[in-house]
Amino acid sequence: MDITLLDGGLGQELLARSAAAPTGLWSTQFLIDRPELVRELHSDYFSAGADVATTNSYAILPDRLCPFGLENRFVELQRLACQLAVSARDEHGQGLVAGSMGPVGRSYRPDLAPPIEEAASLYAEIAAIQEPYVDIFLCETMSSVAQARGAVMGASSGRRPVWLAVSVDDEDGTRLRSGEAITEILPLLSEFDLAALLVNCSPPEAVSQALPLLAGQGIPLGAYANGFVKIAPDYLQEGATVDLLQARKNLGPEVYTQFAEDWTKQGATIIGGCCEVGPAHIEELAKRLKPG
């Protein structure tokens, strides 16, 4: 089985490397203050064995920038995120660049998502900015069917393959964070001719519950879990920062890779990591899943 190895998380790793206090801009803050740190992290993931660099554009959205008076830098920051990933890939000599498109509103709050057509318009704009740089559009952490629909509808207006990554309930991986059954996402695959379906930013145990329900759809299946203890209720409120989320102590590289090996048995061929999963985890994944 050929495995495509994604990179790991960006925002949490950048915070750890900088020792900076988190802000409401999260990973975008580093594009403004420390772009060289973003570039270095992309390079470290490639050195660890990743096949794909994910752009640091997850949180570059008008609703995230507006409270900080940065909405006029939306296009500039999107381009910079893409350019840093492309630069690291080119220096590495091979690999793909995935253009990250995060959820409008807040992560894990699909109830805050705009209407589908409004969301699609925004994601189409992002796709147009990213298209000259990226190989894939990656719609990440989509937590309801409507939220996913808006994202892939917009991304599909571009000329790059679209990957959809959905986030599931911390305790029940058979359900999206909206409460909908995860199988309700499946009609989007053929409707928008999606190129891959993944589960992301959920506990690895929940990912393991979700994957069997998504297997056998005729497109690549993938998984990249987070390393949080849980999504704390306080984090779901407006203005919350990531210091409200606690990292697990029992999800080191070897343990994480054991989960990943199980995911491959469930049909996953695209494997990586999300928040709190770093280069050491990717290196272990590469050793165990892509030997030689």
Protein backbone atom coordinates (compact mmCIF):
# COMPACT_ATOMS: atom_id res chain seq x y z
CA MET A 1 0.00 0.00 0.00
CA ASP A 2 1.40 3.38 -1.04
CA ILE A 3 1.02 5.94 1.73
CA THR A 4 0.95 9.69 1.15
CA LEU A 5 2.38 11.28 4.27
CA LEU A 6 1.02 14.66 5.27
CA ASP A 7 2.81 17.07 7.57
CA GLY A 8 1.74 17.74 11.15
CA GLY A 9 0.16 20.70 12.87
CA LEU A 10 1.41 24.23 12.27
CA GLY A 11 -0.17 26.61 14.76
CA GLN A 12 0.57 24.73 17.96
CA GLU A 13 4.08 23.84 16.84
CA LEU A 14 4.81 27.45 15.94
CA LEU A 15 3.64 28.54 19.39
CA ALA A 16 5.87 25.95 21.03
CA ARG A 17 8.90 27.03 19.02
CA SER A 18 8.44 30.73 19.61
CA ALA A 19 7.31 30.69 23.24
CA ALA A 20 4.98 33.52 22.21
CA ALA A 21 1.64 34.01 23.93
CA PRO A 22 -1.27 32.93 21.72
CA THR A 23 -3.47 35.57 20.13
CA GLY A 24 -6.81 35.43 18.40
CA LEU A 25 -4.95 35.33 15.10
CA TRP A 26 -3.35 31.98 16.12
CA SER A 27 -1.08 30.69 13.33
CA THR A 28 -1.61 33.80 11.20
CA GLN A 29 0.30 35.80 13.81
CA PHE A 30 3.49 34.05 12.71
CA LEU A 31 3.06 35.07 9.08
CA ILE A 32 3.04 38.64 10.31
CA ASP A 33 5.76 38.42 12.98
CA ARG A 34 7.94 35.40 12.14
CA PRO A 35 7.46 34.17 8.54
CA GLU A 36 10.94 32.59 8.66
CA LEU A 37 9.67 30.31 11.45
CA VAL A 38 6.82 29.10 9.25
CA ARG A 39 9.24 28.38 6.40
CA GLU A 40 11.55 26.50 8.78
CA LEU A 41 8.70 24.33 10.05
CA HIS A 42 7.65 23.38 6.52
CA SER A 43 11.25 22.35 5.85
CA ASP A 44 11.41 20.33 9.05
CA TYR A 45 8.31 18.39 8.07
CA PHE A 46 9.78 17.56 4.68
CA SER A 47 13.01 16.48 6.37
CA ALA A 48 10.97 14.25 8.69
CA GLY A 49 9.49 12.45 5.68
CA ALA A 50 6.33 14.34 4.75
CA ASP A 51 5.19 14.25 1.13
CA VAL A 52 2.88 17.25 1.50
CA ALA A 53 3.28 20.75 2.94
CA THR A 54 0.02 22.31 4.12
CA THR A 55 -0.04 26.08 3.76
CA ASN A 56 -0.35 28.16 6.93
CA SER A 57 -3.58 29.69 5.64
CA TYR A 58 -6.12 27.85 7.79
CA ALA A 59 -7.06 30.95 9.79
CA ILE A 60 -6.57 33.57 7.07
CA LEU A 61 -10.23 34.43 6.74
CA PRO A 62 -11.94 37.83 6.72
CA ASP A 63 -13.89 37.15 9.91
CA ARG A 64 -10.65 36.22 11.73
CA LEU A 65 -8.72 39.25 10.43
CA CYS A 66 -11.42 41.89 10.87
CA PRO A 67 -11.28 42.19 14.69
CA PHE A 68 -7.58 43.05 14.37
CA GLY A 69 -8.02 45.57 11.57
CA LEU A 70 -6.15 43.32 9.14
CA GLU A 71 -8.85 42.56 6.59
CA ASN A 72 -6.91 44.58 3.99
CA ARG A 73 -4.05 42.05 4.27
CA PHE A 74 -6.20 39.03 3.40
CA VAL A 75 -4.81 38.49 -0.11
CA GLU A 76 -1.23 39.34 0.90
CA LEU A 77 -1.22 36.85 3.78
CA GLN A 78 -2.84 34.10 1.70
CA ARG A 79 -0.12 34.51 -0.92
CA LEU A 80 2.65 34.59 1.66
CA ALA A 81 1.40 31.37 3.27
CA CYS A 82 1.49 29.68 -0.13
CA GLN A 83 4.89 31.09 -1.08
CA LEU A 84 6.53 29.85 2.13
CA ALA A 85 5.25 26.31 1.60
CA VAL A 86 6.28 26.32 -2.07
CA SER A 87 9.74 27.60 -1.17
CA ALA A 88 10.26 24.79 1.34
CA ARG A 89 9.00 22.20 -1.15
CA ASP A 90 11.24 23.50 -3.91
CA GLU A 91 14.26 23.42 -1.64
CA HIS A 92 13.36 19.85 -0.65
CA GLY A 93 13.19 18.93 -4.31
CA GLN A 94 9.91 17.05 -4.32
CA GLY A 95 6.48 16.91 -2.72
CA LEU A 96 3.10 18.57 -2.98
CA VAL A 97 1.62 21.74 -1.52
CA ALA A 98 -1.91 21.63 -0.14
CA GLY A 99 -3.74 24.93 0.17
CA SER A 100 -5.45 24.94 3.55
CA MET A 101 -8.96 26.37 3.77
CA GLY A 102 -10.25 26.46 7.35
CA PRO A 103 -13.81 26.95 8.60
CA VAL A 104 -15.39 30.39 8.63
CA GLY A 105 -16.54 31.37 12.12
CA ARG A 106 -14.71 29.28 14.70
CA SER A 107 -13.25 25.80 14.49
CA TYR A 108 -15.70 23.20 15.84
CA ARG A 109 -18.61 25.71 15.62
CA PRO A 110 -20.50 24.85 12.45
CA ASP A 111 -23.45 26.81 13.80
CA LEU A 112 -21.46 29.99 13.10
CA ALA A 113 -20.88 29.15 9.45
CA PRO A 114 -22.38 31.56 6.90
CA PRO A 115 -25.06 30.43 4.43
CA ILE A 116 -23.77 27.95 1.86
CA GLU A 117 -23.74 30.32 -1.12
CA GLU A 118 -22.00 33.06 0.88
CA ALA A 119 -19.38 30.58 2.08
CA ALA A 120 -18.88 29.22 -1.43
CA SER A 121 -18.16 32.72 -2.71
CA LEU A 122 -15.43 33.22 -0.10
CA TYR A 123 -13.82 29.83 -0.72
CA ALA A 124 -13.86 30.48 -4.46
CA GLU A 125 -11.95 33.69 -3.78
CA ILE A 126 -9.40 31.78 -1.69
CA ALA A 127 -9.07 29.15 -4.41
CA ALA A 128 -8.31 31.84 -6.98
CA ILE A 129 -5.55 33.26 -4.78
CA GLN A 130 -4.00 29.89 -3.96
CA GLU A 131 -4.29 28.24 -7.37
CA PRO A 132 -1.02 29.53 -8.88
CA TYR A 133 0.92 28.01 -5.97
CA VAL A 134 -0.75 24.85 -4.70
CA ASP A 135 -1.32 21.35 -6.04
CA ILE A 136 -4.39 20.57 -3.91
CA PHE A 137 -7.16 22.52 -2.20
CA LEU A 138 -7.65 21.12 1.32
CA CYS A 139 -10.92 22.09 3.01
CA GLU A 140 -10.15 21.32 6.66
CA THR A 141 -12.02 20.74 9.93
CA MET A 142 -15.45 21.01 8.33
CA SER A 143 -17.88 20.07 11.08
CA SER A 144 -21.29 19.90 9.41
CA VAL A 145 -22.65 18.90 6.04
CA ALA A 146 -23.63 22.48 5.20
CA GLN A 147 -20.23 23.83 6.23
CA ALA A 148 -18.50 21.22 4.10
CA ARG A 149 -20.79 21.91 1.17
CA GLY A 150 -20.03 25.63 1.17
CA ALA A 151 -16.28 24.97 1.29
CA VAL A 152 -16.08 22.35 -1.46
CA MET A 153 -18.53 24.21 -3.65
CA GLY A 154 -16.25 27.23 -3.61
CA ALA A 155 -13.00 25.29 -3.86
CA SER A 156 -14.37 23.32 -6.82
CA SER A 157 -14.51 26.52 -8.85
CA GLY A 158 -10.72 26.28 -9.13
CA ARG A 159 -8.56 23.98 -11.21
CA ARG A 160 -6.98 21.88 -8.49
CA PRO A 161 -8.16 18.61 -6.92
CA VAL A 162 -10.25 19.18 -3.81
CA TRP A 163 -9.72 17.20 -0.62
CA LEU A 164 -12.36 17.38 2.11
CA ALA A 165 -11.36 16.81 5.74
CA VAL A 166 -14.15 16.60 8.33
CA SER A 167 -13.95 16.84 12.11
CA VAL A 168 -15.95 14.46 14.29
CA ASP A 169 -17.26 14.53 17.83
CA ASP A 170 -14.61 13.93 20.49
CA GLU A 171 -16.61 11.12 22.08
CA ASP A 172 -18.51 9.72 19.09
CA GLY A 173 -16.56 9.44 15.87
CA THR A 174 -19.64 8.29 13.99
CA ARG A 175 -20.96 11.85 14.11
CA LEU A 176 -19.75 15.19 12.83
CA ARG A 177 -19.35 17.88 15.46
CA SER A 178 -22.76 19.18 14.33
CA GLY A 179 -24.33 15.93 15.56
CA GLU A 180 -25.10 14.73 12.03
CA ALA A 181 -24.13 11.17 11.11
CA ILE A 182 -20.76 11.23 9.37
CA THR A 183 -22.22 9.23 6.48
CA GLU A 184 -24.35 12.26 5.58
CA ILE A 185 -21.19 13.76 4.09
CA LEU A 186 -20.89 11.04 1.45
CA PRO A 187 -23.19 12.52 -1.24
CA LEU A 188 -20.77 15.44 -1.57
CA LEU A 189 -18.08 13.12 -2.95
CA SER A 190 -19.74 12.51 -6.29
CA GLU A 191 -21.61 15.82 -6.44
CA PHE A 192 -18.35 17.77 -6.38
CA ASP A 193 -16.02 15.08 -7.75
CA LEU A 194 -13.83 15.24 -4.65
CA ALA A 195 -10.35 13.75 -4.90
CA ALA A 196 -9.97 12.54 -1.29
CA LEU A 197 -11.95 12.31 1.95
CA LEU A 198 -10.22 12.65 5.31
CA VAL A 199 -10.98 12.91 9.03
CA ASN A 200 -9.00 15.55 10.88
CA CYS A 201 -8.62 17.53 14.11
CA SER A 202 -10.37 14.93 16.22
CA PRO A 203 -9.01 12.50 18.83
CA PRO A 204 -7.34 9.47 17.26
CA GLU A 205 -9.85 7.18 18.96
CA ALA A 206 -12.71 9.06 17.27
CA VAL A 207 -10.90 8.96 13.93
CA SER A 208 -10.71 5.18 14.29
CA GLN A 209 -14.49 5.09 14.74
CA ALA A 210 -15.12 7.28 11.72
CA LEU A 211 -12.94 5.69 9.06
CA PRO A 212 -14.81 2.38 8.56
CA LEU A 213 -17.98 4.37 7.82
CA LEU A 214 -16.21 6.29 5.04
CA ALA A 215 -14.22 3.49 3.43
CA GLY A 216 -14.97 1.98 0.04
CA GLN A 217 -16.07 5.17 -1.74
CA GLY A 218 -13.66 4.83 -4.66
CA ILE A 219 -11.45 7.76 -3.65
CA PRO A 220 -8.45 7.92 -1.29
CA LEU A 221 -9.27 7.95 2.42
CA GLY A 222 -7.14 9.80 4.94
CA ALA A 223 -6.69 10.70 8.60
CA TYR A 224 -4.81 13.24 10.67
CA ALA A 225 -5.82 13.47 14.32
CA ASN A 226 -5.16 16.12 16.94
CA GLY A 227 -3.40 15.67 20.26
CA PHE A 228 -5.76 17.63 22.51
CA VAL A 229 -7.27 16.12 25.65
CA LYS A 230 -10.63 17.46 24.44
CA ILE A 231 -12.13 20.57 22.92
CA ALA A 232 -12.88 22.56 26.07
CA PRO A 233 -16.29 24.32 26.09
CA ASP A 234 -14.63 27.64 26.96
CA TYR A 235 -12.63 27.45 23.72
CA LEU A 236 -15.82 27.54 21.69
CA GLN A 237 -16.63 31.07 22.87
CA GLU A 238 -15.81 34.24 20.95
CA GLY A 239 -12.38 35.64 21.74
CA ALA A 240 -11.00 32.38 23.16
CA THR A 241 -7.38 31.48 22.46
CA VAL A 242 -5.68 28.09 22.21
CA ASP A 243 -4.19 28.23 25.70
CA LEU A 244 -7.59 26.89 26.80
CA LEU A 245 -6.80 23.60 25.05
CA GLN A 246 -4.65 21.04 26.83
CA ALA A 247 -2.26 18.71 25.02
CA ARG A 248 -2.36 15.01 25.79
CA LYS A 249 0.58 13.47 27.60
CA ASN A 250 -0.03 9.96 26.24
CA LEU A 251 0.22 10.53 22.49
CA GLY A 252 3.91 10.43 21.68
CA PRO A 253 5.20 9.44 18.23
CA GLU A 254 5.11 5.69 18.85
CA VAL A 255 1.57 5.67 20.25
CA TYR A 256 0.32 7.96 17.51
CA THR A 257 1.87 5.72 14.87
CA GLN A 258 0.09 2.70 16.34
CA PHE A 259 -3.20 4.47 15.71
CA ALA A 260 -2.03 5.33 12.18
CA GLU A 261 -1.17 1.72 11.45
CA ASP A 262 -4.73 0.80 12.39
CA TRP A 263 -6.04 3.53 10.08
CA THR A 264 -4.17 2.00 7.16
CA LYS A 265 -5.87 -1.32 7.93
CA GLN A 266 -9.17 0.52 7.72
CA GLY A 267 -8.29 1.73 4.23
CA ALA A 268 -6.55 5.05 4.84
CA THR A 269 -3.73 5.86 2.41
CA ILE A 270 -3.24 9.54 3.37
CA ILE A 271 -1.86 9.92 6.90
CA GLY A 272 -0.54 12.87 8.88
CA GLY A 273 -1.10 14.91 12.00
CA CYS A 274 -3.07 17.93 13.16
CA CYS A 275 -2.73 20.14 16.25
CA GLU A 276 -0.12 18.95 18.79
CA VAL A 277 1.31 16.43 16.31
CA GLY A 278 4.78 17.57 15.30
CA PRO A 279 7.84 16.62 13.24
CA ALA A 280 8.86 13.81 15.60
CA HIS A 281 5.50 12.14 15.00
CA ILE A 282 5.86 12.51 11.23
CA GLU A 283 9.35 11.05 11.37
CA GLU A 284 8.04 7.99 13.21
CA LEU A 285 5.17 7.65 10.75
CA ALA A 286 7.66 7.72 7.89
CA LYS A 287 9.80 5.00 9.49
CA ARG A 288 6.88 2.69 10.11
CA LEU A 289 4.57 3.40 7.18
CA LYS A 290 7.10 4.15 4.44
CA PRO A 291 10.16 2.03 5.21
CA GLY A 292 13.02 2.21 2.72
